């Protein structure tokens, strides 16, 4: 997920550098380590900046026909392009994420296929941008949107309408979910 406006950061977070690569490349590498194909969800204004760096096959632009904004627009845009695929979502602004945490989520998903969504919770609150969403659950959300039943467009509200399996974060895992929104927060990164 790279489609945010990054207004508080002042520049596109997905294109910020971390070591040798961008935050988006770092997220791609973490997901590729799990042996899965990876796509980048970008908004329409980002497409031009991302296309010289990533292949066009890797980029999925927000569907302008969706009457929704924010991360939900990105998730649903990818779902509409690949409606049969379950989606492992990872926000690019979680550069501290560890592969072991992602592997734990993938393992939980692989052993509990009867749920619509798999995600971590932090003090009882969902972490929706490091989660796995099954195609049938996302199809339900699209139907709710089209019928006017999706009264809020937040990821948290969306999760409330899915049969979700939540994994409480351990204290030592919480730092991996830290997202960065302003330059002042980058000290020590």
Foldseek 3Di string as FASTA:
>chain_A
DQADPLVQAVDRQQQPDDVHGGLVVLVCVLVVVVVDDAADEYEPVCCVVCCVPDPPVRYFYQDPPAPADDPLSRVLSVCVVVLQDKDFAAYSQLNLADSVVLVVQVVVCVVDVPWQKEFEAEVNHTLQRGIIGGSVLSVVVVVCRVVVNQVDRDSRSSVVSTRYDYHYDDPVNVSSSDGDRYPVVPPPD
